[in-house]
Amino acid sequence: MVNRTRPIVLRLAVTEDEKKLIESKMQQLGTKNFGAYARKMLIDGYIIKVDYTEQKKLAAAVSNVASNINQVCKRINSTGHFYEDDVTELKERQKEIWQLLKSSQSKEL
């Protein structure tokens, strides 16, 4: 161990599924040396960090609008009647959802 070119040992624990996935990726690359594969991936591998902030905001807004729609539907179901105002409100809420989706999509493109 004294004359090793790499004297520091790093260890990690994985599940059986993770091990199979790692072995599959090593096979795709045509390597059998786990140490070389791990070193290469740890040093040169890509880090992908996805920011879900906008999606979370969109989901919260859609949930809020859906809640409003649900309230209108409950009112219709409890009275057995629906009014033009109810239909108008449902259509407005639906438009809000579409606007939010379109806005989110245009930001991503």
Protein backbone atom coordinates (compact mmCIF):
# COMPACT_ATOMS: atom_id res chain seq x y z
CA MET A 1 0.00 0.00 0.00
CA VAL A 2 2.91 2.33 0.58
CA ASN A 3 3.91 2.43 -3.09
CA ARG A 4 0.40 2.83 -4.52
CA THR A 5 -0.16 5.63 -7.02
CA ARG A 6 -3.58 6.15 -5.46
CA PRO A 7 -3.21 5.75 -1.70
CA ILE A 8 -6.66 7.07 -0.73
CA VAL A 9 -9.49 4.53 -0.79
CA LEU A 10 -13.11 5.64 -1.23
CA ARG A 11 -15.95 3.21 -0.55
CA LEU A 12 -19.66 3.34 -1.18
CA ALA A 13 -22.65 1.16 -0.46
CA VAL A 14 -25.27 0.39 -3.13
CA THR A 15 -28.45 -1.63 -3.41
CA GLU A 16 -28.69 -4.73 -5.58
CA ASP A 17 -30.60 -2.76 -8.24
CA GLU A 18 -27.99 0.01 -8.23
CA LYS A 19 -25.23 -2.58 -8.59
CA LYS A 20 -26.99 -4.12 -11.59
CA LEU A 21 -27.42 -0.69 -13.17
CA ILE A 22 -23.74 0.14 -12.65
CA GLU A 23 -22.69 -3.18 -14.12
CA SER A 24 -24.98 -2.62 -17.10
CA LYS A 25 -23.44 0.79 -17.76
CA MET A 26 -19.94 -0.63 -17.41
CA GLN A 27 -20.86 -3.33 -19.93
CA GLN A 28 -22.15 -0.69 -22.35
CA LEU A 29 -18.78 1.03 -22.14
CA GLY A 30 -16.93 -2.25 -22.50
CA THR A 31 -15.06 -2.01 -19.21
CA LYS A 32 -14.75 -4.56 -16.43
CA ASN A 33 -12.62 -2.44 -14.11
CA PHE A 34 -14.98 -0.85 -11.59
CA GLY A 35 -12.28 1.39 -10.13
CA ALA A 36 -11.44 2.89 -13.52
CA TYR A 37 -15.12 3.31 -14.37
CA ALA A 38 -15.93 4.93 -11.00
CA ARG A 39 -12.93 7.28 -11.21
CA LYS A 40 -13.86 8.36 -14.72
CA MET A 41 -17.51 8.98 -13.82
CA LEU A 42 -16.71 10.76 -10.56
CA ILE A 43 -14.15 13.04 -12.19
CA ASP A 44 -15.54 13.57 -15.69
CA GLY A 45 -19.21 12.61 -15.31
CA TYR A 46 -21.94 15.13 -15.91
CA ILE A 47 -23.84 16.71 -13.08
CA ILE A 48 -27.42 17.47 -14.01
CA LYS A 49 -29.30 19.66 -11.60
CA VAL A 50 -32.90 20.32 -12.55
CA ASP A 51 -34.61 23.39 -11.14
CA TYR A 52 -38.26 22.58 -10.52
CA THR A 53 -39.14 26.00 -9.09
CA GLU A 54 -41.33 27.04 -12.02
CA GLN A 55 -43.03 23.66 -12.20
CA LYS A 56 -43.82 23.81 -8.48
CA LYS A 57 -45.28 27.31 -8.88
CA LEU A 58 -47.36 26.10 -11.82
CA ALA A 59 -48.57 23.05 -9.91
CA ALA A 60 -49.59 25.22 -6.95
CA ALA A 61 -51.44 27.66 -9.22
CA VAL A 62 -53.22 24.85 -11.07
CA SER A 63 -54.13 23.27 -7.75
CA ASN A 64 -55.57 26.57 -6.56
CA VAL A 65 -57.66 26.98 -9.72
CA ALA A 66 -58.76 23.34 -9.54
CA SER A 67 -59.87 23.92 -5.96
CA ASN A 68 -61.98 26.86 -7.10
CA ILE A 69 -63.52 24.72 -9.84
CA ASN A 70 -64.27 22.02 -7.28
CA GLN A 71 -66.06 24.53 -5.06
CA VAL A 72 -68.27 25.62 -7.95
CA CYS A 73 -69.05 21.98 -8.79
CA LYS A 74 -69.95 21.26 -5.15
CA ARG A 75 -72.30 24.23 -5.15
CA ILE A 76 -73.94 22.98 -8.34
CA ASN A 77 -74.26 19.44 -6.94
CA SER A 78 -75.69 20.61 -3.61
CA THR A 79 -78.37 22.82 -5.16
CA GLY A 80 -79.11 20.60 -8.14
CA HIS A 81 -79.05 23.70 -10.33
CA PHE A 82 -76.38 25.54 -12.13
CA TYR A 83 -76.43 29.11 -13.15
CA GLU A 84 -74.87 31.01 -15.99
CA ASP A 85 -72.51 32.59 -13.45
CA ASP A 86 -71.30 29.12 -12.43
CA VAL A 87 -70.60 28.14 -16.02
CA THR A 88 -68.85 31.47 -16.63
CA GLU A 89 -66.69 30.99 -13.55
CA LEU A 90 -65.75 27.46 -14.59
CA LYS A 91 -64.76 28.70 -18.03
CA GLU A 92 -62.68 31.50 -16.50
CA ARG A 93 -60.86 29.07 -14.22
CA GLN A 94 -60.19 26.77 -17.16
CA LYS A 95 -58.75 29.72 -19.09
CA GLU A 96 -56.50 30.48 -16.12
CA ILE A 97 -55.12 26.96 -16.22
CA TRP A 98 -54.45 27.20 -19.96
CA GLN A 99 -52.77 30.57 -19.53
CA LEU A 100 -50.53 29.20 -16.80
CA LEU A 101 -49.60 26.21 -18.94
CA LYS A 102 -48.92 28.36 -22.01
CA SER A 103 -46.85 30.79 -19.97
CA SER A 104 -44.81 27.98 -18.46
CA GLN A 105 -44.28 26.34 -21.83
CA SER A 106 -43.18 29.58 -23.50
CA LYS A 107 -40.59 30.16 -20.75
CA GLU A 108 -39.14 26.70 -21.32
CA LEU A 109 -38.81 27.19 -25.06
